[in-house]
N, C-alpha and C. Protein backbone atom coordinates (compact mmCIF):
# COMPACT_ATOMS: atom_id res chain seq x y z
N MET A 1 0.83 -1.20 0.00
CA MET A 1 0.00 0.00 0.00
C MET A 1 0.86 1.26 0.00
N LYS A 2 0.32 2.28 -0.58
CA LYS A 2 0.95 3.60 -0.58
C LYS A 2 0.06 4.50 0.27
N VAL A 3 0.63 5.09 1.33
CA VAL A 3 -0.17 5.82 2.31
C VAL A 3 0.32 7.26 2.44
N LEU A 4 -0.64 8.18 2.52
CA LEU A 4 -0.34 9.58 2.80
C LEU A 4 -0.67 9.85 4.26
N LEU A 5 0.31 10.37 5.00
CA LEU A 5 0.11 10.66 6.42
C LEU A 5 0.21 12.17 6.64
N LEU A 6 -0.88 12.75 7.09
CA LEU A 6 -0.92 14.18 7.40
C LEU A 6 -0.84 14.37 8.91
N GLY A 7 0.06 15.27 9.34
CA GLY A 7 0.23 15.48 10.77
C GLY A 7 1.26 14.56 11.37
N ALA A 8 2.29 14.23 10.61
CA ALA A 8 3.30 13.26 11.05
C ALA A 8 4.15 13.74 12.21
N THR A 9 4.12 15.04 12.51
CA THR A 9 4.93 15.56 13.62
C THR A 9 4.13 15.67 14.91
N GLY A 10 2.83 15.36 14.86
CA GLY A 10 1.98 15.49 16.04
C GLY A 10 2.02 14.27 16.95
N LEU A 11 1.29 14.34 18.03
CA LEU A 11 1.31 13.28 19.05
C LEU A 11 0.89 11.93 18.49
N ILE A 12 -0.24 11.87 17.80
CA ILE A 12 -0.70 10.61 17.20
C ILE A 12 0.07 10.35 15.91
N GLY A 13 0.29 11.38 15.13
CA GLY A 13 0.97 11.22 13.84
C GLY A 13 2.35 10.61 13.95
N ARG A 14 3.10 10.96 14.99
CA ARG A 14 4.44 10.39 15.16
C ARG A 14 4.37 8.89 15.35
N HIS A 15 3.38 8.44 16.11
CA HIS A 15 3.22 6.99 16.33
C HIS A 15 2.73 6.31 15.05
N CYS A 16 1.84 6.97 14.32
CA CYS A 16 1.38 6.41 13.05
C CYS A 16 2.54 6.22 12.10
N LEU A 17 3.42 7.21 12.03
CA LEU A 17 4.56 7.14 11.13
C LEU A 17 5.44 5.94 11.47
N SER A 18 5.76 5.76 12.72
CA SER A 18 6.60 4.63 13.14
C SER A 18 5.93 3.30 12.82
N ASP A 19 4.63 3.20 13.10
CA ASP A 19 3.91 1.95 12.86
C ASP A 19 3.81 1.65 11.36
N LEU A 20 3.56 2.66 10.57
CA LEU A 20 3.46 2.45 9.12
C LEU A 20 4.78 1.98 8.54
N LEU A 21 5.87 2.61 8.97
CA LEU A 21 7.19 2.25 8.44
C LEU A 21 7.63 0.86 8.90
N ALA A 22 7.05 0.38 9.98
CA ALA A 22 7.40 -0.94 10.50
C ALA A 22 6.52 -2.04 9.92
N THR A 23 5.60 -1.66 9.03
CA THR A 23 4.64 -2.61 8.47
C THR A 23 5.05 -3.01 7.06
N SER A 24 5.21 -4.30 6.84
CA SER A 24 5.70 -4.80 5.55
C SER A 24 4.72 -4.54 4.41
N GLN A 25 3.41 -4.44 4.72
CA GLN A 25 2.42 -4.22 3.67
C GLN A 25 2.47 -2.81 3.09
N ILE A 26 3.16 -1.91 3.77
CA ILE A 26 3.25 -0.52 3.34
C ILE A 26 4.52 -0.33 2.51
N SER A 27 4.36 0.02 1.24
CA SER A 27 5.52 0.20 0.37
C SER A 27 6.08 1.61 0.43
N GLU A 28 5.21 2.60 0.71
CA GLU A 28 5.66 3.99 0.77
C GLU A 28 4.76 4.80 1.69
N VAL A 29 5.38 5.64 2.50
CA VAL A 29 4.66 6.57 3.36
C VAL A 29 5.04 7.98 2.93
N ILE A 30 4.06 8.71 2.43
CA ILE A 30 4.28 10.10 2.04
C ILE A 30 3.86 10.98 3.20
N ALA A 31 4.80 11.79 3.70
CA ALA A 31 4.53 12.62 4.86
C ALA A 31 4.83 14.08 4.55
N PRO A 32 3.83 14.84 4.12
CA PRO A 32 4.04 16.27 3.89
C PRO A 32 4.08 17.02 5.22
N THR A 33 5.08 17.85 5.40
CA THR A 33 5.25 18.59 6.65
C THR A 33 5.75 20.00 6.35
N ARG A 34 5.69 20.85 7.36
CA ARG A 34 6.22 22.21 7.22
C ARG A 34 7.74 22.23 7.46
N ARG A 35 8.20 21.29 8.28
CA ARG A 35 9.64 21.20 8.55
C ARG A 35 10.09 19.76 8.37
N SER A 36 11.36 19.58 8.06
CA SER A 36 11.88 18.24 7.76
C SER A 36 11.77 17.32 8.97
N LEU A 37 11.43 16.07 8.70
CA LEU A 37 11.40 15.06 9.75
C LEU A 37 12.83 14.60 10.04
N GLN A 38 13.12 14.44 11.31
CA GLN A 38 14.47 14.03 11.69
C GLN A 38 14.58 12.51 11.72
N MET A 39 14.26 11.90 10.60
CA MET A 39 14.41 10.45 10.51
C MET A 39 14.55 10.05 9.05
N LYS A 40 15.19 8.93 8.83
CA LYS A 40 15.40 8.44 7.48
C LYS A 40 14.89 7.01 7.38
N ASP A 41 14.22 6.71 6.30
CA ASP A 41 13.74 5.35 6.05
C ASP A 41 13.52 5.22 4.55
N GLN A 42 13.85 4.07 4.02
CA GLN A 42 13.72 3.86 2.59
C GLN A 42 12.29 4.04 2.10
N ALA A 43 11.33 3.74 2.95
CA ALA A 43 9.92 3.83 2.55
C ALA A 43 9.32 5.22 2.80
N LEU A 44 10.07 6.10 3.45
CA LEU A 44 9.54 7.41 3.81
C LEU A 44 9.85 8.45 2.75
N HIS A 45 8.81 9.16 2.33
CA HIS A 45 8.95 10.27 1.39
C HIS A 45 8.44 11.52 2.08
N ASN A 46 9.35 12.26 2.71
CA ASN A 46 9.01 13.48 3.43
C ASN A 46 9.12 14.68 2.49
N VAL A 47 8.02 15.41 2.34
CA VAL A 47 7.97 16.55 1.43
C VAL A 47 7.58 17.81 2.20
N LEU A 48 8.35 18.88 2.03
CA LEU A 48 8.01 20.14 2.66
C LEU A 48 6.95 20.84 1.81
N VAL A 49 5.84 21.20 2.43
CA VAL A 49 4.73 21.79 1.68
C VAL A 49 4.18 23.03 2.39
N ASP A 50 3.44 23.81 1.63
CA ASP A 50 2.65 24.91 2.15
C ASP A 50 1.21 24.39 2.21
N PHE A 51 0.70 24.18 3.41
CA PHE A 51 -0.63 23.59 3.55
C PHE A 51 -1.73 24.50 3.02
N ASP A 52 -1.42 25.75 2.82
CA ASP A 52 -2.39 26.65 2.22
C ASP A 52 -2.50 26.43 0.72
N ARG A 53 -1.58 25.64 0.16
CA ARG A 53 -1.55 25.41 -1.29
C ARG A 53 -1.40 23.92 -1.61
N LEU A 54 -2.16 23.10 -0.94
CA LEU A 54 -2.06 21.66 -1.15
C LEU A 54 -2.36 21.26 -2.58
N ASP A 55 -3.18 22.04 -3.26
CA ASP A 55 -3.52 21.69 -4.64
C ASP A 55 -2.34 21.82 -5.60
N GLU A 56 -1.24 22.38 -5.12
CA GLU A 56 -0.04 22.49 -5.94
C GLU A 56 0.82 21.23 -5.88
N TYR A 57 0.39 20.24 -5.07
CA TYR A 57 1.13 18.99 -4.91
C TYR A 57 0.24 17.80 -5.23
N PRO A 58 -0.36 17.76 -6.41
CA PRO A 58 -1.32 16.68 -6.73
C PRO A 58 -0.71 15.29 -6.67
N GLU A 59 0.59 15.17 -6.97
CA GLU A 59 1.23 13.86 -6.98
C GLU A 59 1.25 13.21 -5.60
N LEU A 60 1.18 14.00 -4.55
CA LEU A 60 1.19 13.45 -3.19
C LEU A 60 -0.07 12.67 -2.88
N PHE A 61 -1.12 12.93 -3.61
CA PHE A 61 -2.43 12.35 -3.30
C PHE A 61 -2.77 11.13 -4.16
N GLU A 62 -1.81 10.66 -4.91
CA GLU A 62 -1.99 9.44 -5.70
C GLU A 62 -1.63 8.24 -4.83
N VAL A 63 -2.48 7.97 -3.85
CA VAL A 63 -2.22 6.96 -2.83
C VAL A 63 -3.43 6.05 -2.66
N ASP A 64 -3.23 4.98 -1.91
CA ASP A 64 -4.34 4.07 -1.59
C ASP A 64 -5.14 4.57 -0.41
N ALA A 65 -4.44 5.16 0.58
CA ALA A 65 -5.11 5.54 1.82
C ALA A 65 -4.51 6.83 2.37
N ILE A 66 -5.33 7.59 3.09
CA ILE A 66 -4.90 8.82 3.74
C ILE A 66 -5.22 8.74 5.23
N LEU A 67 -4.22 9.01 6.05
CA LEU A 67 -4.41 9.11 7.49
C LEU A 67 -4.23 10.58 7.85
N CYS A 68 -5.26 11.19 8.43
CA CYS A 68 -5.23 12.61 8.75
C CYS A 68 -5.19 12.82 10.27
N CYS A 69 -4.02 13.24 10.75
CA CYS A 69 -3.83 13.49 12.18
C CYS A 69 -3.59 14.97 12.44
N LEU A 70 -3.99 15.82 11.49
CA LEU A 70 -3.80 17.25 11.65
C LEU A 70 -4.69 17.78 12.77
N GLY A 71 -4.15 18.70 13.54
CA GLY A 71 -4.96 19.29 14.60
C GLY A 71 -4.15 20.27 15.43
N THR A 72 -4.83 21.25 15.99
CA THR A 72 -4.19 22.23 16.85
C THR A 72 -5.18 22.61 17.94
N THR A 73 -4.90 23.66 18.66
CA THR A 73 -5.83 24.21 19.64
C THR A 73 -6.03 25.68 19.30
N ILE A 74 -7.11 26.25 19.81
CA ILE A 74 -7.36 27.66 19.55
C ILE A 74 -6.24 28.51 20.14
N LYS A 75 -5.72 28.10 21.30
CA LYS A 75 -4.63 28.84 21.93
C LYS A 75 -3.38 28.79 21.06
N GLN A 76 -3.03 27.62 20.56
CA GLN A 76 -1.86 27.50 19.70
C GLN A 76 -2.04 28.24 18.38
N ALA A 77 -3.24 28.12 17.81
CA ALA A 77 -3.50 28.74 16.51
C ALA A 77 -3.52 30.26 16.61
N GLY A 78 -3.98 30.77 17.76
CA GLY A 78 -4.01 32.21 17.95
C GLY A 78 -5.37 32.85 17.72
N SER A 79 -6.25 32.14 17.04
CA SER A 79 -7.59 32.65 16.79
C SER A 79 -8.49 31.52 16.35
N ARG A 80 -9.80 31.73 16.41
CA ARG A 80 -10.75 30.74 15.93
C ARG A 80 -10.58 30.50 14.44
N GLU A 81 -10.29 31.57 13.71
CA GLU A 81 -10.13 31.46 12.26
C GLU A 81 -8.94 30.57 11.90
N ARG A 82 -7.82 30.77 12.58
CA ARG A 82 -6.63 29.96 12.31
C ARG A 82 -6.86 28.51 12.74
N PHE A 83 -7.57 28.33 13.84
CA PHE A 83 -7.89 26.97 14.30
C PHE A 83 -8.71 26.24 13.25
N LYS A 84 -9.74 26.91 12.72
CA LYS A 84 -10.60 26.27 11.73
C LYS A 84 -9.84 26.00 10.44
N LEU A 85 -8.88 26.85 10.12
CA LEU A 85 -8.07 26.63 8.92
C LEU A 85 -7.33 25.31 9.00
N VAL A 86 -6.74 25.03 10.16
CA VAL A 86 -5.97 23.79 10.33
C VAL A 86 -6.89 22.59 10.52
N ASP A 87 -7.82 22.68 11.45
CA ASP A 87 -8.63 21.53 11.84
C ASP A 87 -9.78 21.22 10.90
N TYR A 88 -10.13 22.17 10.07
CA TYR A 88 -11.19 21.91 9.09
C TYR A 88 -10.68 22.02 7.65
N GLN A 89 -10.19 23.20 7.27
CA GLN A 89 -9.90 23.44 5.87
C GLN A 89 -8.77 22.57 5.32
N TYR A 90 -7.67 22.47 6.04
CA TYR A 90 -6.56 21.64 5.56
C TYR A 90 -7.01 20.18 5.39
N CYS A 91 -7.79 19.71 6.35
CA CYS A 91 -8.28 18.32 6.29
C CYS A 91 -9.21 18.12 5.11
N MET A 92 -10.11 19.06 4.89
CA MET A 92 -11.04 18.95 3.76
C MET A 92 -10.32 19.05 2.43
N ASP A 93 -9.36 19.97 2.35
CA ASP A 93 -8.58 20.10 1.11
C ASP A 93 -7.90 18.78 0.77
N ALA A 94 -7.29 18.16 1.78
CA ALA A 94 -6.59 16.90 1.56
C ALA A 94 -7.56 15.79 1.16
N ALA A 95 -8.71 15.75 1.83
CA ALA A 95 -9.70 14.72 1.52
C ALA A 95 -10.23 14.86 0.10
N GLU A 96 -10.49 16.09 -0.32
CA GLU A 96 -11.00 16.32 -1.67
C GLU A 96 -9.96 15.94 -2.73
N LEU A 97 -8.70 16.28 -2.46
CA LEU A 97 -7.64 15.93 -3.40
C LEU A 97 -7.45 14.41 -3.46
N GLY A 98 -7.51 13.78 -2.31
CA GLY A 98 -7.38 12.32 -2.29
C GLY A 98 -8.50 11.64 -3.04
N ARG A 99 -9.71 12.14 -2.86
CA ARG A 99 -10.86 11.55 -3.56
C ARG A 99 -10.73 11.75 -5.06
N ALA A 100 -10.23 12.92 -5.46
CA ALA A 100 -10.07 13.21 -6.88
C ALA A 100 -9.02 12.31 -7.53
N HIS A 101 -8.11 11.80 -6.71
CA HIS A 101 -7.06 10.92 -7.23
C HIS A 101 -7.31 9.45 -6.87
N SER A 102 -8.57 9.14 -6.54
CA SER A 102 -9.03 7.76 -6.34
C SER A 102 -8.47 7.05 -5.11
N ALA A 103 -8.12 7.79 -4.08
CA ALA A 103 -7.76 7.14 -2.81
C ALA A 103 -8.99 6.39 -2.31
N LYS A 104 -8.76 5.19 -1.75
CA LYS A 104 -9.88 4.35 -1.34
C LYS A 104 -10.35 4.61 0.08
N SER A 105 -9.44 5.07 0.94
CA SER A 105 -9.84 5.24 2.33
C SER A 105 -9.26 6.52 2.93
N PHE A 106 -10.01 7.06 3.88
CA PHE A 106 -9.60 8.26 4.59
C PHE A 106 -9.88 8.03 6.06
N SER A 107 -8.87 8.23 6.89
CA SER A 107 -9.02 8.05 8.34
C SER A 107 -8.73 9.37 9.03
N LEU A 108 -9.60 9.77 9.92
CA LEU A 108 -9.51 11.08 10.57
C LEU A 108 -9.44 10.97 12.08
N VAL A 109 -8.54 11.75 12.69
CA VAL A 109 -8.56 11.92 14.13
C VAL A 109 -9.50 13.08 14.43
N SER A 110 -10.67 12.78 14.97
CA SER A 110 -11.64 13.80 15.35
C SER A 110 -11.58 13.94 16.87
N ALA A 111 -12.70 14.03 17.54
CA ALA A 111 -12.71 14.17 18.99
C ALA A 111 -14.05 13.76 19.55
N ILE A 112 -14.03 13.28 20.78
CA ILE A 112 -15.27 12.93 21.45
C ILE A 112 -16.14 14.19 21.54
N GLY A 113 -17.43 14.03 21.28
CA GLY A 113 -18.34 15.17 21.35
C GLY A 113 -18.48 15.94 20.07
N ALA A 114 -17.79 15.50 19.02
CA ALA A 114 -17.88 16.20 17.74
C ALA A 114 -19.31 16.22 17.23
N SER A 115 -19.81 17.40 16.89
CA SER A 115 -21.17 17.52 16.37
C SER A 115 -21.31 18.90 15.73
N ALA A 116 -21.85 18.91 14.53
CA ALA A 116 -22.06 20.18 13.84
C ALA A 116 -23.07 21.05 14.57
N ARG A 117 -23.83 20.48 15.49
CA ARG A 117 -24.84 21.23 16.25
C ARG A 117 -24.37 21.62 17.64
N SER A 118 -23.12 21.30 17.95
CA SER A 118 -22.59 21.59 19.28
C SER A 118 -22.51 23.09 19.53
N LEU A 119 -22.74 23.49 20.78
CA LEU A 119 -22.60 24.89 21.17
C LEU A 119 -21.14 25.25 21.42
N VAL A 120 -20.29 24.22 21.50
CA VAL A 120 -18.85 24.42 21.72
C VAL A 120 -18.17 24.56 20.37
N PHE A 121 -17.48 25.65 20.15
CA PHE A 121 -16.87 25.92 18.85
C PHE A 121 -15.96 24.78 18.39
N TYR A 122 -15.09 24.30 19.27
CA TYR A 122 -14.15 23.22 18.93
C TYR A 122 -14.91 21.99 18.44
N SER A 123 -15.89 21.56 19.20
CA SER A 123 -16.66 20.37 18.84
C SER A 123 -17.49 20.59 17.59
N ARG A 124 -17.97 21.81 17.41
CA ARG A 124 -18.78 22.12 16.23
C ARG A 124 -17.94 22.04 14.94
N VAL A 125 -16.71 22.56 14.99
CA VAL A 125 -15.82 22.48 13.82
C VAL A 125 -15.51 21.02 13.49
N LYS A 126 -15.24 20.23 14.51
CA LYS A 126 -14.95 18.81 14.29
C LYS A 126 -16.16 18.11 13.67
N GLY A 127 -17.35 18.44 14.16
CA GLY A 127 -18.57 17.84 13.62
C GLY A 127 -18.84 18.25 12.19
N GLN A 128 -18.60 19.51 11.88
CA GLN A 128 -18.78 19.99 10.51
C GLN A 128 -17.84 19.25 9.56
N LEU A 129 -16.61 19.05 10.00
CA LEU A 129 -15.65 18.33 9.18
C LEU A 129 -16.12 16.90 8.93
N GLU A 130 -16.55 16.22 9.97
CA GLU A 130 -17.04 14.85 9.82
C GLU A 130 -18.18 14.79 8.80
N ASP A 131 -19.14 15.70 8.93
CA ASP A 131 -20.30 15.69 8.04
C ASP A 131 -19.88 15.91 6.58
N HIS A 132 -18.98 16.82 6.37
CA HIS A 132 -18.58 17.14 5.00
C HIS A 132 -17.69 16.05 4.40
N LEU A 133 -16.94 15.37 5.24
CA LEU A 133 -16.16 14.24 4.73
C LEU A 133 -17.08 13.12 4.25
N LYS A 134 -18.17 12.92 4.94
CA LYS A 134 -19.13 11.88 4.53
C LYS A 134 -19.70 12.16 3.13
N GLU A 135 -19.82 13.43 2.80
CA GLU A 135 -20.36 13.81 1.49
C GLU A 135 -19.43 13.42 0.34
N LEU A 136 -18.15 13.20 0.63
CA LEU A 136 -17.19 12.82 -0.42
C LEU A 136 -17.35 11.36 -0.83
N GLU A 137 -18.04 10.58 -0.03
CA GLU A 137 -18.34 9.18 -0.33
C GLU A 137 -17.09 8.34 -0.62
N TYR A 138 -16.13 8.41 0.29
CA TYR A 138 -14.99 7.49 0.21
C TYR A 138 -15.51 6.07 0.37
N PRO A 139 -14.91 5.10 -0.34
CA PRO A 139 -15.28 3.70 -0.10
C PRO A 139 -15.13 3.32 1.37
N SER A 140 -14.14 3.94 2.04
CA SER A 140 -13.95 3.71 3.47
C SER A 140 -13.59 5.02 4.15
N LEU A 141 -14.47 5.49 5.04
CA LEU A 141 -14.19 6.66 5.86
C LEU A 141 -14.22 6.22 7.32
N SER A 142 -13.10 6.40 8.00
CA SER A 142 -13.00 5.99 9.41
C SER A 142 -12.75 7.22 10.27
N ILE A 143 -13.62 7.42 11.25
CA ILE A 143 -13.55 8.58 12.13
C ILE A 143 -13.21 8.11 13.54
N PHE A 144 -12.10 8.60 14.07
CA PHE A 144 -11.64 8.22 15.40
C PHE A 144 -11.92 9.37 16.35
N ARG A 145 -12.68 9.08 17.43
CA ARG A 145 -13.07 10.10 18.38
C ARG A 145 -12.51 9.81 19.77
N PRO A 146 -11.23 10.05 19.97
CA PRO A 146 -10.66 9.85 21.30
C PRO A 146 -11.06 10.98 22.24
N SER A 147 -10.96 10.73 23.53
CA SER A 147 -11.14 11.77 24.53
C SER A 147 -9.75 12.33 24.84
N LEU A 148 -9.40 12.51 26.08
CA LEU A 148 -8.09 13.05 26.44
C LEU A 148 -6.98 12.11 25.97
N LEU A 149 -6.01 12.66 25.27
CA LEU A 149 -4.89 11.87 24.76
C LEU A 149 -3.73 11.88 25.74
N LEU A 150 -3.19 10.71 26.00
CA LEU A 150 -2.04 10.57 26.88
C LEU A 150 -0.79 10.30 26.06
N GLY A 151 0.32 10.89 26.45
CA GLY A 151 1.57 10.66 25.73
C GLY A 151 2.47 11.88 25.84
N ASP A 152 3.69 11.72 25.38
CA ASP A 152 4.67 12.81 25.46
C ASP A 152 4.51 13.76 24.28
N ARG A 153 4.09 14.97 24.58
CA ARG A 153 3.93 15.97 23.54
C ARG A 153 5.22 16.76 23.36
N GLN A 154 5.44 17.23 22.14
CA GLN A 154 6.61 18.06 21.87
C GLN A 154 6.41 19.47 22.40
N GLU A 155 5.14 19.89 22.49
CA GLU A 155 4.86 21.22 23.02
C GLU A 155 4.18 21.08 24.36
N ALA A 156 4.37 22.08 25.21
CA ALA A 156 3.80 22.03 26.55
C ALA A 156 2.34 22.48 26.55
N ARG A 157 1.47 21.66 27.14
CA ARG A 157 0.08 22.03 27.34
C ARG A 157 -0.22 21.76 28.81
N LEU A 158 -0.10 22.79 29.64
CA LEU A 158 -0.17 22.60 31.09
C LEU A 158 -1.48 21.98 31.54
N GLY A 159 -2.58 22.45 30.96
CA GLY A 159 -3.88 21.91 31.36
C GLY A 159 -3.99 20.42 31.07
N GLU A 160 -3.57 20.02 29.87
CA GLU A 160 -3.66 18.61 29.50
C GLU A 160 -2.65 17.78 30.29
N ALA A 161 -1.50 18.37 30.60
CA ALA A 161 -0.50 17.65 31.38
C ALA A 161 -1.03 17.33 32.77
N ALA A 162 -1.71 18.30 33.37
CA ALA A 162 -2.29 18.09 34.69
C ALA A 162 -3.41 17.06 34.63
N ALA A 163 -4.25 17.17 33.60
CA ALA A 163 -5.37 16.23 33.46
C ALA A 163 -4.88 14.82 33.24
N SER A 164 -3.77 14.67 32.50
CA SER A 164 -3.26 13.34 32.19
C SER A 164 -2.76 12.61 33.42
N LEU A 165 -2.44 13.36 34.48
CA LEU A 165 -1.96 12.74 35.72
C LEU A 165 -3.10 12.10 36.51
N VAL A 166 -4.28 12.70 36.40
CA VAL A 166 -5.40 12.18 37.20
C VAL A 166 -6.38 11.36 36.37
N ALA A 167 -6.38 11.56 35.07
CA ALA A 167 -7.35 10.86 34.21
C ALA A 167 -7.32 9.34 34.37
N PRO A 168 -6.13 8.70 34.41
CA PRO A 168 -6.12 7.24 34.55
C PRO A 168 -6.81 6.75 35.81
N LEU A 169 -6.87 7.61 36.85
CA LEU A 169 -7.52 7.23 38.09
C LEU A 169 -9.03 7.17 37.92
N PHE A 170 -9.55 7.97 37.02
CA PHE A 170 -11.00 8.03 36.79
C PHE A 170 -11.47 7.04 35.73
N ASN A 171 -10.56 6.56 34.90
CA ASN A 171 -10.96 5.65 33.82
C ASN A 171 -11.81 4.47 34.29
N PRO A 172 -11.43 3.80 35.40
CA PRO A 172 -12.23 2.64 35.84
C PRO A 172 -13.67 3.01 36.21
N LEU A 173 -13.91 4.29 36.51
CA LEU A 173 -15.24 4.72 36.92
C LEU A 173 -16.13 5.03 35.73
N LEU A 174 -15.50 5.16 34.56
CA LEU A 174 -16.26 5.52 33.36
C LEU A 174 -16.69 4.24 32.65
N VAL A 175 -17.93 3.84 32.89
CA VAL A 175 -18.44 2.59 32.32
C VAL A 175 -19.69 2.88 31.48
N GLY A 176 -20.08 1.90 30.70
CA GLY A 176 -21.26 2.07 29.87
C GLY A 176 -21.06 3.17 28.85
N SER A 177 -22.04 4.05 28.72
CA SER A 177 -21.96 5.13 27.73
C SER A 177 -20.86 6.13 28.07
N LEU A 178 -20.41 6.13 29.32
CA LEU A 178 -19.35 7.06 29.73
C LEU A 178 -17.95 6.58 29.33
N SER A 179 -17.84 5.34 28.88
CA SER A 179 -16.53 4.80 28.54
C SER A 179 -15.87 5.56 27.39
N ALA A 180 -16.69 6.22 26.57
CA ALA A 180 -16.15 6.99 25.45
C ALA A 180 -15.27 8.14 25.94
N TYR A 181 -15.45 8.54 27.21
CA TYR A 181 -14.71 9.68 27.75
C TYR A 181 -13.43 9.26 28.47
N LYS A 182 -13.07 8.00 28.41
CA LYS A 182 -11.84 7.55 29.04
C LYS A 182 -10.62 8.12 28.33
N ALA A 183 -9.61 8.51 29.10
CA ALA A 183 -8.35 8.95 28.50
C ALA A 183 -7.71 7.77 27.79
N ILE A 184 -6.95 8.04 26.76
CA ILE A 184 -6.36 6.97 25.97
C ILE A 184 -4.97 7.35 25.50
N GLU A 185 -4.08 6.38 25.46
CA GLU A 185 -2.72 6.61 25.00
C GLU A 185 -2.72 6.90 23.49
N ALA A 186 -1.93 7.88 23.08
CA ALA A 186 -1.88 8.25 21.67
C ALA A 186 -1.40 7.10 20.80
N ASN A 187 -0.48 6.28 21.31
CA ASN A 187 0.04 5.18 20.51
C ASN A 187 -1.03 4.12 20.25
N VAL A 188 -2.03 4.03 21.14
CA VAL A 188 -3.13 3.09 20.93
C VAL A 188 -4.03 3.57 19.79
N VAL A 189 -4.29 4.87 19.78
CA VAL A 189 -5.09 5.43 18.68
C VAL A 189 -4.37 5.24 17.35
N ALA A 190 -3.06 5.48 17.36
CA ALA A 190 -2.26 5.33 16.13
C ALA A 190 -2.29 3.89 15.64
N LYS A 191 -2.14 2.94 16.55
CA LYS A 191 -2.15 1.53 16.17
C LYS A 191 -3.49 1.15 15.56
N ALA A 192 -4.56 1.66 16.14
CA ALA A 192 -5.90 1.38 15.61
C ALA A 192 -6.05 1.96 14.20
N MET A 193 -5.55 3.15 14.01
CA MET A 193 -5.65 3.78 12.69
C MET A 193 -4.88 3.00 11.63
N VAL A 194 -3.70 2.53 11.99
CA VAL A 194 -2.90 1.77 11.04
C VAL A 194 -3.55 0.43 10.73
N ASN A 195 -4.09 -0.23 11.75
CA ASN A 195 -4.79 -1.51 11.52
C ASN A 195 -6.00 -1.31 10.61
N ASP A 196 -6.73 -0.24 10.84
CA ASP A 196 -7.89 0.08 10.00
C ASP A 196 -7.44 0.37 8.58
N CYS A 197 -6.34 1.07 8.43
CA CYS A 197 -5.79 1.39 7.11
C CYS A 197 -5.44 0.12 6.35
N LEU A 198 -4.78 -0.81 7.02
CA LEU A 198 -4.39 -2.07 6.39
C LEU A 198 -5.61 -2.86 5.94
N ALA A 199 -6.67 -2.82 6.74
CA ALA A 199 -7.89 -3.55 6.40
C ALA A 199 -8.54 -2.99 5.14
N SER A 200 -8.30 -1.71 4.87
CA SER A 200 -8.91 -1.08 3.70
C SER A 200 -8.26 -1.51 2.39
N ALA A 201 -7.15 -2.23 2.48
CA ALA A 201 -6.43 -2.66 1.27
C ALA A 201 -7.28 -3.56 0.39
N THR A 202 -8.24 -4.24 0.98
CA THR A 202 -9.06 -5.19 0.22
C THR A 202 -10.29 -4.53 -0.41
N ILE A 203 -10.49 -3.25 -0.16
CA ILE A 203 -11.67 -2.56 -0.68
C ILE A 203 -11.51 -2.29 -2.18
N GLU A 204 -12.54 -2.59 -2.91
CA GLU A 204 -12.54 -2.30 -4.34
C GLU A 204 -12.84 -0.81 -4.55
N PRO A 205 -12.20 -0.18 -5.53
CA PRO A 205 -12.36 1.27 -5.76
C PRO A 205 -13.81 1.73 -5.88
N GLY A 206 -14.67 0.93 -6.48
CA GLY A 206 -16.05 1.35 -6.68
C GLY A 206 -17.01 0.87 -5.61
N SER A 207 -16.49 0.46 -4.49
CA SER A 207 -17.34 -0.08 -3.42
C SER A 207 -18.29 0.97 -2.85
N LYS A 208 -19.42 0.50 -2.31
CA LYS A 208 -20.38 1.38 -1.68
C LYS A 208 -19.73 2.08 -0.49
N PRO A 209 -19.93 3.40 -0.34
CA PRO A 209 -19.30 4.14 0.76
C PRO A 209 -19.66 3.54 2.13
N LYS A 210 -18.66 3.47 2.99
CA LYS A 210 -18.86 2.93 4.33
C LYS A 210 -18.21 3.86 5.34
N VAL A 211 -18.95 4.23 6.36
CA VAL A 211 -18.44 5.12 7.41
C VAL A 211 -18.35 4.35 8.72
N LYS A 212 -17.19 4.40 9.35
CA LYS A 212 -16.98 3.74 10.64
C LYS A 212 -16.56 4.79 11.65
N VAL A 213 -17.20 4.76 12.82
CA VAL A 213 -16.88 5.71 13.89
C VAL A 213 -16.37 4.94 15.10
N TYR A 214 -15.20 5.33 15.58
CA TYR A 214 -14.57 4.63 16.69
C TYR A 214 -14.39 5.56 17.89
N SER A 215 -14.95 5.18 19.04
CA SER A 215 -14.65 5.86 20.29
C SER A 215 -13.79 4.92 21.13
N HIS A 216 -13.58 5.23 22.39
CA HIS A 216 -12.56 4.57 23.20
C HIS A 216 -12.52 3.05 23.10
N ASP A 217 -13.60 2.38 23.46
CA ASP A 217 -13.57 0.92 23.52
C ASP A 217 -13.31 0.28 22.16
N LYS A 218 -13.91 0.85 21.12
CA LYS A 218 -13.69 0.32 19.77
C LYS A 218 -12.26 0.59 19.29
N ILE A 219 -11.70 1.73 19.70
CA ILE A 219 -10.33 2.03 19.34
C ILE A 219 -9.38 1.04 19.99
N VAL A 220 -9.59 0.76 21.26
CA VAL A 220 -8.74 -0.19 21.99
C VAL A 220 -8.83 -1.57 21.36
N LYS A 221 -10.02 -2.01 21.02
CA LYS A 221 -10.21 -3.33 20.41
C LYS A 221 -9.52 -3.39 19.05
N LEU A 222 -9.70 -2.35 18.23
CA LEU A 222 -9.08 -2.33 16.91
C LEU A 222 -7.57 -2.32 16.99
N ALA A 223 -7.04 -1.65 17.99
CA ALA A 223 -5.58 -1.58 18.16
C ALA A 223 -5.00 -2.94 18.52
N SER A 224 -5.81 -3.79 19.15
CA SER A 224 -5.31 -5.10 19.59
C SER A 224 -5.48 -6.18 18.53
N ASP A 225 -6.20 -5.88 17.45
CA ASP A 225 -6.45 -6.88 16.41
C ASP A 225 -5.16 -7.22 15.66
């Protein structure tokens, strides 16, 4: 398989990159980034791009599958407009380009609570993205909705760092419908995404569109398959 990985420098994306490169079924991993990746691998094709001009790199989207781990926070982005540019527009641009070049599957890191009708701006943007991705009718669209992500981030997020210390203590208390809100290790989400990507290899290009949504328990199960 030939896979395009967006967000390879992020918390989940870094784990996806390692897992993809360690998988024999993957012949090439295309990783467009703003800055060079500090790693070398025969199967890795790291390309420096301007995400505002993704349509200038059509050759990058001639792949079997796309894994989209792009994401930021409103604080990091500096404004709601910049946040939506990264978390919505870049993802949609990539999805549309992939669909135009016959990619069979698209996997997205969304978030728990995503809904286009949400009163929370963050969740509303995530929900709008999910809805619009469905309209592209990929043969396989997989939406991953983790709650709090655990793992070593390259950038400091004090609030999330504090929450990550206590979240594992509350996980056992979150049962039934509340299990979706359990904190989860980023490497588990990445493993689930890669496993889902590999499963899409058998999909025929003209297959009926299928949408799969994964929250905590389903993500953990998929990661262990």
